[in-house]
C-alpha cells in the first residue's frame, strides 16, 4: 500500500531502502534487527506457522520480548485489516491507489 510507504519515508528519509523493500523485502540491505523483523513479517504473511522459528532469530538480533511481541502484533494486524479490506472489495481512496 502506497500510504505505508509515505509513513516509512517520513520516518526514515530513505527512498532507496523503500524501493528495495517494495521490490523484494528479503533482499533489501537491512541491519540484523531489521532483517529479523522483515523475515518474521514475510513468514507470518505467507506461512504463519513458519514465523514461530523467527522468534529465536529476533532474540539473537537483539530484540527484546516486547519488541518481538510488537513486531508480530503489527504484522498480524496489517494482515488482518488488509484481508478484511480485500474480502469486502474496499476501494482505496484515489490518493492511495497505485499508479
PDB file of N, CA and C in Angstrom:
ATOM      1  N   UNK A   1       0.845  -1.170   0.000  1.00  0.00           N
ATOM      2  CA  UNK A   1       0.000   0.000   0.000  1.00  0.00           C
ATOM      3  C   UNK A   1       0.895   1.239   0.000  1.00  0.00           C
ATOM      4  N   UNK A   2       0.587   2.139  -0.855  1.00  0.00           N
ATOM      5  CA  UNK A   2       1.403   3.342  -1.001  1.00  0.00           C
ATOM      6  C   UNK A   2       1.454   4.192   0.267  1.00  0.00           C
ATOM      7  N   UNK A   3       0.326   4.287   0.974  1.00  0.00           N
ATOM      8  CA  UNK A   3       0.322   5.168   2.137  1.00  0.00           C
ATOM      9  C   UNK A   3       1.261   4.670   3.229  1.00  0.00           C
ATOM     10  N   UNK A   4       1.529   3.370   3.294  1.00  0.00           N
ATOM     11  CA  UNK A   4       2.507   2.872   4.251  1.00  0.00           C
ATOM     12  C   UNK A   4       3.900   3.375   3.879  1.00  0.00           C
ATOM     13  N   UNK A   5       4.177   3.427   2.593  1.00  0.00           N
ATOM     14  CA  UNK A   5       5.466   3.937   2.124  1.00  0.00           C
ATOM     15  C   UNK A   5       5.671   5.395   2.477  1.00  0.00           C
ATOM     16  N   UNK A   6       4.607   6.171   2.435  1.00  0.00           N
ATOM     17  CA  UNK A   6       4.715   7.589   2.793  1.00  0.00           C
ATOM     18  C   UNK A   6       5.109   7.750   4.254  1.00  0.00           C
ATOM     19  N   UNK A   7       4.540   6.924   5.107  1.00  0.00           N
ATOM     20  CA  UNK A   7       4.888   6.973   6.528  1.00  0.00           C
ATOM     21  C   UNK A   7       6.336   6.525   6.714  1.00  0.00           C
ATOM     22  N   UNK A   8       6.728   5.462   6.018  1.00  0.00           N
ATOM     23  CA  UNK A   8       8.101   4.973   6.093  1.00  0.00           C
ATOM     24  C   UNK A   8       9.090   6.071   5.707  1.00  0.00           C
ATOM     25  N   UNK A   9       8.802   6.774   4.603  1.00  0.00           N
ATOM     26  CA  UNK A   9       9.687   7.854   4.154  1.00  0.00           C
ATOM     27  C   UNK A   9       9.733   9.000   5.148  1.00  0.00           C
ATOM     28  N   UNK A  10       8.614   9.313   5.759  1.00  0.00           N
ATOM     29  CA  UNK A  10       8.591  10.382   6.747  1.00  0.00           C
ATOM     30  C   UNK A  10       9.495  10.037   7.935  1.00  0.00           C
ATOM     31  N   UNK A  11       9.569   8.757   8.270  1.00  0.00           N
ATOM     32  CA  UNK A  11      10.396   8.333   9.406  1.00  0.00           C
ATOM     33  C   UNK A  11      11.857   8.133   9.042  1.00  0.00           C
ATOM     34  N   UNK A  12      12.129   7.605   7.845  1.00  0.00           N
ATOM     35  CA  UNK A  12      13.499   7.221   7.501  1.00  0.00           C
ATOM     36  C   UNK A  12      14.206   8.157   6.525  1.00  0.00           C
ATOM     37  N   UNK A  13      13.442   8.833   5.688  1.00  0.00           N
ATOM     38  CA  UNK A  13      14.007   9.683   4.619  1.00  0.00           C
ATOM     39  C   UNK A  13      14.896   8.872   3.682  1.00  0.00           C
ATOM     40  N   UNK A  14      14.585   7.592   3.490  1.00  0.00           N
ATOM     41  CA  UNK A  14      15.432   6.702   2.699  1.00  0.00           C
ATOM     42  C   UNK A  14      14.649   6.121   1.518  1.00  0.00           C
ATOM     43  N   UNK A  15      14.649   6.863   0.394  1.00  0.00           N
ATOM     44  CA  UNK A  15      13.937   6.435  -0.817  1.00  0.00           C
ATOM     45  C   UNK A  15      14.466   5.115  -1.365  1.00  0.00           C
ATOM     46  N   UNK A  16      15.791   4.947  -1.318  1.00  0.00           N
ATOM     47  CA  UNK A  16      16.383   3.724  -1.865  1.00  0.00           C
ATOM     48  C   UNK A  16      15.947   2.490  -1.086  1.00  0.00           C
ATOM     49  N   UNK A  17      15.935   2.592   0.237  1.00  0.00           N
ATOM     50  CA  UNK A  17      15.517   1.451   1.045  1.00  0.00           C
ATOM     51  C   UNK A  17      14.050   1.129   0.798  1.00  0.00           C
ATOM     52  N   UNK A  18      13.216   2.154   0.684  1.00  0.00           N
ATOM     53  CA  UNK A  18      11.804   1.917   0.391  1.00  0.00           C
ATOM     54  C   UNK A  18      11.655   1.183  -0.947  1.00  0.00           C
ATOM     55  N   UNK A  19      12.389   1.604  -1.955  1.00  0.00           N
ATOM     56  CA  UNK A  19      12.334   0.931  -3.258  1.00  0.00           C
ATOM     57  C   UNK A  19      12.772  -0.521  -3.140  1.00  0.00           C
ATOM     58  N   UNK A  20      13.849  -0.746  -2.393  1.00  0.00           N
ATOM     59  CA  UNK A  20      14.343  -2.112  -2.201  1.00  0.00           C
ATOM     60  C   UNK A  20      13.312  -2.974  -1.479  1.00  0.00           C
ATOM     61  N   UNK A  21      12.677  -2.430  -0.448  1.00  0.00           N
ATOM     62  CA  UNK A  21      11.678  -3.177   0.304  1.00  0.00           C
ATOM     63  C   UNK A  21      10.461  -3.495  -0.556  1.00  0.00           C
ATOM     64  N   UNK A  22      10.076  -2.555  -1.405  1.00  0.00           N
ATOM     65  CA  UNK A  22       8.932  -2.804  -2.292  1.00  0.00           C
ATOM     66  C   UNK A  22       9.269  -3.878  -3.322  1.00  0.00           C
ATOM     67  N   UNK A  23      10.493  -3.850  -3.826  1.00  0.00           N
ATOM     68  CA  UNK A  23      10.908  -4.798  -4.866  1.00  0.00           C
ATOM     69  C   UNK A  23      11.035  -6.213  -4.276  1.00  0.00           C
ATOM     70  N   UNK A  24      11.780  -6.333  -3.178  1.00  0.00           N
ATOM     71  CA  UNK A  24      11.982  -7.645  -2.554  1.00  0.00           C
ATOM     72  C   UNK A  24      12.445  -7.426  -1.116  1.00  0.00           C
ATOM     73  N   UNK A  25      11.527  -7.480  -0.155  1.00  0.00           N
ATOM     74  CA  UNK A  25      11.899  -7.184   1.231  1.00  0.00           C
ATOM     75  C   UNK A  25      12.986  -8.100   1.784  1.00  0.00           C
ATOM     76  N   UNK A  26      13.065  -9.318   1.285  1.00  0.00           N
ATOM     77  CA  UNK A  26      14.073 -10.248   1.799  1.00  0.00           C
ATOM     78  C   UNK A  26      15.463  -9.978   1.233  1.00  0.00           C
ATOM     79  N   UNK A  27      15.555  -9.189   0.174  1.00  0.00           N
ATOM     80  CA  UNK A  27      16.854  -8.874  -0.425  1.00  0.00           C
ATOM     81  C   UNK A  27      17.335  -7.466  -0.058  1.00  0.00           C
ATOM     82  N   UNK A  28      16.521  -6.705   0.643  1.00  0.00           N
ATOM     83  CA  UNK A  28      16.875  -5.325   0.986  1.00  0.00           C
ATOM     84  C   UNK A  28      18.060  -5.296   1.955  1.00  0.00           C
ATOM     85  N   UNK A  29      18.855  -4.236   1.866  1.00  0.00           N
ATOM     86  CA  UNK A  29      20.002  -4.053   2.748  1.00  0.00           C
ATOM     87  C   UNK A  29      19.500  -3.571   4.107  1.00  0.00           C
ATOM     88  N   UNK A  30      19.499  -4.478   5.076  1.00  0.00           N
ATOM     89  CA  UNK A  30      18.970  -4.177   6.401  1.00  0.00           C
ATOM     90  C   UNK A  30      19.976  -4.568   7.476  1.00  0.00           C
ATOM     91  N   UNK A  31      19.884  -3.903   8.623  1.00  0.00           N
ATOM     92  CA  UNK A  31      20.722  -4.338   9.738  1.00  0.00           C
ATOM     93  C   UNK A  31      20.101  -5.607  10.324  1.00  0.00           C
ATOM     94  N   UNK A  32      20.822  -6.324  11.194  1.00  0.00           N
ATOM     95  CA  UNK A  32      20.320  -7.609  11.694  1.00  0.00           C
ATOM     96  C   UNK A  32      18.947  -7.527  12.374  1.00  0.00           C
ATOM     97  N   UNK A  33      18.685  -6.473  13.123  1.00  0.00           N
ATOM     98  CA  UNK A  33      17.378  -6.332  13.787  1.00  0.00           C
ATOM     99  C   UNK A  33      16.270  -6.129  12.759  1.00  0.00           C
ATOM    100  N   UNK A  34      16.516  -5.264  11.787  1.00  0.00           N
ATOM    101  CA  UNK A  34      15.529  -5.021  10.738  1.00  0.00           C
ATOM    102  C   UNK A  34      15.286  -6.295   9.931  1.00  0.00           C
ATOM    103  N   UNK A  35      16.372  -6.995   9.593  1.00  0.00           N
ATOM    104  CA  UNK A  35      16.269  -8.233   8.814  1.00  0.00           C
ATOM    105  C   UNK A  35      15.402  -9.243   9.558  1.00  0.00           C
ATOM    106  N   UNK A  36      15.633  -9.414  10.857  1.00  0.00           N
ATOM    107  CA  UNK A  36      14.860 -10.378  11.640  1.00  0.00           C
ATOM    108  C   UNK A  36      13.373 -10.013  11.640  1.00  0.00           C
ATOM    109  N   UNK A  37      13.062  -8.729  11.769  1.00  0.00           N
ATOM    110  CA  UNK A  37      11.665  -8.295  11.760  1.00  0.00           C
ATOM    111  C   UNK A  37      11.016  -8.483  10.384  1.00  0.00           C
ATOM    112  N   UNK A  38      11.743  -8.139   9.337  1.00  0.00           N
ATOM    113  CA  UNK A  38      11.193  -8.280   7.981  1.00  0.00           C
ATOM    114  C   UNK A  38      10.971  -9.758   7.657  1.00  0.00           C
ATOM    115  N   UNK A  39      11.928 -10.611   7.995  1.00  0.00           N
ATOM    116  CA  UNK A  39      11.752 -12.035   7.732  1.00  0.00           C
ATOM    117  C   UNK A  39      10.536 -12.583   8.480  1.00  0.00           C
ATOM    118  N   UNK A  40      10.365 -12.171   9.736  1.00  0.00           N
ATOM    119  CA  UNK A  40       9.204 -12.614  10.504  1.00  0.00           C
ATOM    120  C   UNK A  40       7.912 -12.152   9.834  1.00  0.00           C
ATOM    121  N   UNK A  41       7.860 -10.882   9.415  1.00  0.00           N
ATOM    122  CA  UNK A  41       6.648 -10.344   8.800  1.00  0.00           C
ATOM    123  C   UNK A  41       6.319 -11.088   7.506  1.00  0.00           C
ATOM    124  N   UNK A  42       7.331 -11.396   6.722  1.00  0.00           N
ATOM    125  CA  UNK A  42       7.112 -12.144   5.477  1.00  0.00           C
ATOM    126  C   UNK A  42       6.613 -13.550   5.797  1.00  0.00           C
ATOM    127  N   UNK A  43       7.258 -14.215   6.757  1.00  0.00           N
ATOM    128  CA  UNK A  43       6.820 -15.563   7.118  1.00  0.00           C
ATOM    129  C   UNK A  43       5.406 -15.556   7.690  1.00  0.00           C
ATOM    130  N   UNK A  44       5.119 -14.600   8.561  1.00  0.00           N
ATOM    131  CA  UNK A  44       3.784 -14.516   9.158  1.00  0.00           C
ATOM    132  C   UNK A  44       2.723 -14.292   8.089  1.00  0.00           C
ATOM    133  N   UNK A  45       3.070 -13.548   7.051  1.00  0.00           N
ATOM    134  CA  UNK A  45       2.133 -13.261   5.969  1.00  0.00           C
ATOM    135  C   UNK A  45       1.948 -14.461   5.053  1.00  0.00           C
ATOM    136  N   UNK A  46       3.040 -15.088   4.675  1.00  0.00           N
ATOM    137  CA  UNK A  46       2.981 -16.165   3.675  1.00  0.00           C
ATOM    138  C   UNK A  46       2.675 -17.535   4.271  1.00  0.00           C
ATOM    139  N   UNK A  47       3.251 -17.832   5.415  1.00  0.00           N
ATOM    140  CA  UNK A  47       3.031 -19.135   6.064  1.00  0.00           C
ATOM    141  C   UNK A  47       3.180 -18.938   7.571  1.00  0.00           C
ATOM    142  N   UNK A  48       2.098 -18.592   8.237  1.00  0.00           N
ATOM    143  CA  UNK A  48       2.144 -18.207   9.654  1.00  0.00           C
ATOM    144  C   UNK A  48       2.863 -19.184  10.579  1.00  0.00           C
ATOM    145  N   UNK A  49       2.750 -20.467  10.355  1.00  0.00           N
ATOM    146  CA  UNK A  49       3.409 -21.428  11.236  1.00  0.00           C
ATOM    147  C   UNK A  49       4.926 -21.277  11.197  1.00  0.00           C
ATOM    148  N   UNK A  50       5.472 -20.843  10.075  1.00  0.00           N
ATOM    149  CA  UNK A  50       6.923 -20.675   9.945  1.00  0.00           C
ATOM    150  C   UNK A  50       7.448 -19.521  10.780  1.00  0.00           C
ATOM    151  N   UNK A  51       6.596 -18.581  11.125  1.00  0.00           N
ATOM    152  CA  UNK A  51       7.038 -17.403  11.880  1.00  0.00           C
ATOM    153  C   UNK A  51       7.508 -17.777  13.280  1.00  0.00           C
ATOM    154  N   UNK A  52       7.020 -18.890  13.813  1.00  0.00           N
ATOM    155  CA  UNK A  52       7.433 -19.306  15.156  1.00  0.00           C
ATOM    156  C   UNK A  52       8.951 -19.485  15.236  1.00  0.00           C
ATOM    157  N   UNK A  53       9.558 -19.985  14.179  1.00  0.00           N
ATOM    158  CA  UNK A  53      11.010 -20.181  14.139  1.00  0.00           C
ATOM    159  C   UNK A  53      11.767 -18.858  14.147  1.00  0.00           C
ATOM    160  N   UNK A  54      11.099 -17.771  13.802  1.00  0.00           N
ATOM    161  CA  UNK A  54      11.762 -16.469  13.732  1.00  0.00           C
ATOM    162  C   UNK A  54      12.014 -15.858  15.109  1.00  0.00           C
ATOM    163  N   UNK A  55      11.336 -16.331  16.132  1.00  0.00           N
ATOM    164  CA  UNK A  55      11.487 -15.731  17.456  1.00  0.00           C
ATOM    165  C   UNK A  55      12.930 -15.846  17.939  1.00  0.00           C
ATOM    166  N   UNK A  56      13.534 -16.997  17.789  1.00  0.00           N
ATOM    167  CA  UNK A  56      14.930 -17.168  18.217  1.00  0.00           C
ATOM    168  C   UNK A  56      15.848 -16.241  17.436  1.00  0.00           C
ATOM    169  N   UNK A  57      15.607 -16.093  16.133  1.00  0.00           N
ATOM    170  CA  UNK A  57      16.442 -15.200  15.323  1.00  0.00           C
ATOM    171  C   UNK A  57      16.261 -13.747  15.754  1.00  0.00           C
ATOM    172  N   UNK A  58      15.040 -13.364  16.106  1.00  0.00           N
ATOM    173  CA  UNK A  58      14.819 -11.987  16.560  1.00  0.00           C
ATOM    174  C   UNK A  58      15.529 -11.741  17.888  1.00  0.00           C
ATOM    175  N   UNK A  59      15.507 -12.728  18.781  1.00  0.00           N
ATOM    176  CA  UNK A  59      16.240 -12.588  20.057  1.00  0.00           C
ATOM    177  C   UNK A  59      17.746 -12.492  19.794  1.00  0.00           C
ATOM    178  N   UNK A  60      18.255 -13.329  18.884  1.00  0.00           N
ATOM    179  CA  UNK A  60      19.689 -13.294  18.559  1.00  0.00           C
ATOM    180  C   UNK A  60      20.085 -11.950  17.961  1.00  0.00           C
ATOM    181  N   UNK A  61      19.156 -11.293  17.280  1.00  0.00           N
ATOM    182  CA  UNK A  61      19.429  -9.988  16.673  1.00  0.00           C
ATOM    183  C   UNK A  61      19.323  -8.856  17.695  1.00  0.00           C
ATOM    184  N   UNK A  62      18.974  -9.204  18.939  1.00  0.00           N
ATOM    185  CA  UNK A  62      18.949  -8.203  19.995  1.00  0.00           C
ATOM    186  C   UNK A  62      17.591  -7.607  20.301  1.00  0.00           C
ATOM    187  N   UNK A  63      16.540  -8.177  19.736  1.00  0.00           N
ATOM    188  CA  UNK A  63      15.203  -7.664  20.016  1.00  0.00           C
ATOM    189  C   UNK A  63      14.699  -8.207  21.349  1.00  0.00           C
ATOM    190  N   UNK A  64      14.091  -7.336  22.129  1.00  0.00           N
ATOM    191  CA  UNK A  64      13.512  -7.737  23.409  1.00  0.00           C
ATOM    192  C   UNK A  64      12.210  -8.490  23.168  1.00  0.00           C
ATOM    193  N   UNK A  65      11.728  -9.157  24.198  1.00  0.00           N
ATOM    194  CA  UNK A  65      10.441  -9.841  24.070  1.00  0.00           C
ATOM    195  C   UNK A  65       9.333  -8.853  23.743  1.00  0.00           C
ATOM    196  N   UNK A  66       9.402  -7.657  24.300  1.00  0.00           N
ATOM    197  CA  UNK A  66       8.399  -6.629  23.999  1.00  0.00           C
ATOM    198  C   UNK A  66       8.461  -6.233  22.523  1.00  0.00           C
ATOM    199  N   UNK A  67       9.659  -6.043  21.997  1.00  0.00           N
ATOM    200  CA  UNK A  67       9.815  -5.674  20.584  1.00  0.00           C
ATOM    201  C   UNK A  67       9.333  -6.808  19.674  1.00  0.00           C
ATOM    202  N   UNK A  68       9.614  -8.048  20.062  1.00  0.00           N
ATOM    203  CA  UNK A  68       9.160  -9.200  19.286  1.00  0.00           C
ATOM    204  C   UNK A  68       7.632  -9.239  19.282  1.00  0.00           C
ATOM    205  N   UNK A  69       7.045  -9.078  20.445  1.00  0.00           N
ATOM    206  CA  UNK A  69       5.583  -9.048  20.547  1.00  0.00           C
ATOM    207  C   UNK A  69       5.013  -7.953  19.666  1.00  0.00           C
ATOM    208  N   UNK A  70       5.563  -6.756  19.768  1.00  0.00           N
ATOM    209  CA  UNK A  70       5.047  -5.624  18.996  1.00  0.00           C
ATOM    210  C   UNK A  70       5.184  -5.863  17.498  1.00  0.00           C
ATOM    211  N   UNK A  71       6.323  -6.400  17.076  1.00  0.00           N
ATOM    212  CA  UNK A  71       6.530  -6.677  15.654  1.00  0.00           C
ATOM    213  C   UNK A  71       5.527  -7.682  15.122  1.00  0.00           C
ATOM    214  N   UNK A  72       5.311  -8.754  15.869  1.00  0.00           N
ATOM    215  CA  UNK A  72       4.345  -9.775  15.448  1.00  0.00           C
ATOM    216  C   UNK A  72       2.936  -9.200  15.451  1.00  0.00           C
ATOM    217  N   UNK A  73       2.593  -8.444  16.490  1.00  0.00           N
ATOM    218  CA  UNK A  73       1.247  -7.864  16.573  1.00  0.00           C
ATOM    219  C   UNK A  73       0.983  -6.902  15.418  1.00  0.00           C
ATOM    220  N   UNK A  74       1.967  -6.086  15.076  1.00  0.00           N
ATOM    221  CA  UNK A  74       1.790  -5.123  13.974  1.00  0.00           C
ATOM    222  C   UNK A  74       1.647  -5.852  12.639  1.00  0.00           C
ATOM    223  N   UNK A  75       2.508  -6.840  12.390  1.00  0.00           N
ATOM    224  CA  UNK A  75       2.407  -7.592  11.130  1.00  0.00           C
ATOM    225  C   UNK A  75       1.071  -8.319  11.043  1.00  0.00           C
ATOM    226  N   UNK A  76       0.642  -8.934  12.141  1.00  0.00           N
ATOM    227  CA  UNK A  76      -0.634  -9.645  12.154  1.00  0.00           C
ATOM    228  C   UNK A  76      -1.802  -8.678  11.941  1.00  0.00           C
ATOM    229  N   UNK A  77      -1.727  -7.516  12.567  1.00  0.00           N
ATOM    230  CA  UNK A  77      -2.798  -6.528  12.425  1.00  0.00           C
ATOM    231  C   UNK A  77      -2.946  -6.087  10.963  1.00  0.00           C
ATOM    232  N   UNK A  78      -1.826  -5.777  10.319  1.00  0.00           N
ATOM    233  CA  UNK A  78      -1.903  -5.341   8.926  1.00  0.00           C
ATOM    234  C   UNK A  78      -2.419  -6.460   8.029  1.00  0.00           C
ATOM    235  N   UNK A  79      -2.013  -7.703   8.287  1.00  0.00           N
ATOM    236  CA  UNK A  79      -2.561  -8.827   7.527  1.00  0.00           C
ATOM    237  C   UNK A  79      -4.070  -8.918   7.725  1.00  0.00           C
ATOM    238  N   UNK A  80      -4.515  -8.791   8.961  1.00  0.00           N
ATOM    239  CA  UNK A  80      -5.940  -8.856   9.293  1.00  0.00           C
ATOM    240  C   UNK A  80      -6.729  -7.767   8.572  1.00  0.00           C
ATOM    241  N   UNK A  81      -6.285  -6.530   8.708  1.00  0.00           N
ATOM    242  CA  UNK A  81      -7.010  -5.407   8.115  1.00  0.00           C
ATOM    243  C   UNK A  81      -6.994  -5.486   6.591  1.00  0.00           C
ATOM    244  N   UNK A  82      -5.876  -5.830   6.015  1.00  0.00           N
ATOM    245  CA  UNK A  82      -5.797  -5.934   4.561  1.00  0.00           C
ATOM    246  C   UNK A  82      -6.714  -7.036   4.023  1.00  0.00           C
ATOM    247  N   UNK A  83      -6.815  -8.146   4.724  1.00  0.00           N
ATOM    248  CA  UNK A  83      -7.695  -9.222   4.267  1.00  0.00           C
ATOM    249  C   UNK A  83      -9.170  -8.829   4.384  1.00  0.00           C
ATOM    250  N   UNK A  84      -9.521  -8.105   5.418  1.00  0.00           N
ATOM    251  CA  UNK A  84     -10.902  -7.607   5.521  1.00  0.00           C
ATOM    252  C   UNK A  84     -11.190  -6.674   4.353  1.00  0.00           C
ATOM    253  N   UNK A  85     -10.285  -5.730   4.104  1.00  0.00           N
ATOM    254  CA  UNK A  85     -10.498  -4.779   3.005  1.00  0.00           C
ATOM    255  C   UNK A  85     -10.596  -5.496   1.665  1.00  0.00           C
ATOM    256  N   UNK A  86      -9.701  -6.433   1.425  1.00  0.00           N
ATOM    257  CA  UNK A  86      -9.739  -7.174   0.167  1.00  0.00           C
ATOM    258  C   UNK A  86     -10.994  -8.033   0.064  1.00  0.00           C
ATOM    259  N   UNK A  87     -11.366  -8.680   1.167  1.00  0.00           N
ATOM    260  CA  UNK A  87     -12.541  -9.535   1.169  1.00  0.00           C
ATOM    261  C   UNK A  87     -13.833  -8.773   0.920  1.00  0.00           C
ATOM    262  N   UNK A  88     -13.876  -7.540   1.382  1.00  0.00           N
ATOM    263  CA  UNK A  88     -15.065  -6.712   1.188  1.00  0.00           C
ATOM    264  C   UNK A  88     -15.018  -5.898  -0.094  1.00  0.00           C
ATOM    265  N   UNK A  89     -13.894  -5.966  -0.786  1.00  0.00           N
ATOM    266  CA  UNK A  89     -13.753  -5.196  -2.018  1.00  0.00           C
ATOM    267  C   UNK A  89     -13.651  -3.707  -1.771  1.00  0.00           C
ATOM    268  N   UNK A  90     -13.076  -3.325  -0.640  1.00  0.00           N
ATOM    269  CA  UNK A  90     -12.944  -1.908  -0.303  1.00  0.00           C
ATOM    270  C   UNK A  90     -12.018  -1.233  -1.305  1.00  0.00           C
ATOM    271  N   UNK A  91     -12.491  -0.146  -1.866  1.00  0.00           N
ATOM    272  CA  UNK A  91     -11.686   0.643  -2.798  1.00  0.00           C
ATOM    273  C   UNK A  91     -10.821   1.623  -2.017  1.00  0.00           C
ATOM    274  N   UNK A  92      -9.562   1.728  -2.410  1.00  0.00           N
ATOM    275  CA  UNK A  92      -8.695   2.723  -1.807  1.00  0.00           C
ATOM    276  C   UNK A  92      -9.093   4.107  -2.293  1.00  0.00           C
ATOM    277  N   UNK A  93      -8.861   5.085  -1.438  1.00  0.00           N
ATOM    278  CA  UNK A  93      -9.095   6.457  -1.868  1.00  0.00           C
ATOM    279  C   UNK A  93      -8.126   6.764  -3.007  1.00  0.00           C
ATOM    280  N   UNK A  94      -8.494   7.675  -3.883  1.00  0.00           N
ATOM    281  CA  UNK A  94      -7.710   7.976  -5.090  1.00  0.00           C
ATOM    282  C   UNK A  94      -6.246   8.242  -4.761  1.00  0.00           C
ATOM    283  N   UNK A  95      -5.950   8.961  -3.686  1.00  0.00           N
ATOM    284  CA  UNK A  95      -4.569   9.304  -3.360  1.00  0.00           C
ATOM    285  C   UNK A  95      -3.745   8.088  -2.967  1.00  0.00           C
ATOM    286  N   UNK A  96      -4.392   6.958  -2.632  1.00  0.00           N
ATOM    287  CA  UNK A  96      -3.686   5.757  -2.206  1.00  0.00           C
ATOM    288  C   UNK A  96      -3.603   4.683  -3.282  1.00  0.00           C
ATOM    289  N   UNK A  97      -4.257   4.872  -4.390  1.00  0.00           N
ATOM    290  CA  UNK A  97      -4.214   3.871  -5.453  1.00  0.00           C
ATOM    291  C   UNK A  97      -2.843   3.853  -6.094  1.00  0.00           C
ATOM    292  N   UNK A  98      -2.424   2.658  -6.513  1.00  0.00           N
ATOM    293  CA  UNK A  98      -1.146   2.531  -7.207  1.00  0.00           C
ATOM    294  C   UNK A  98      -1.224   3.242  -8.552  1.00  0.00           C
ATOM    295  N   UNK A  99      -0.071   3.741  -8.989  1.00  0.00           N
ATOM    296  CA  UNK A  99      -0.009   4.410 -10.292  1.00  0.00           C
ATOM    297  C   UNK A  99      -0.152   3.426 -11.415  1.00  0.00           C
TER     298      UNK A  99
END
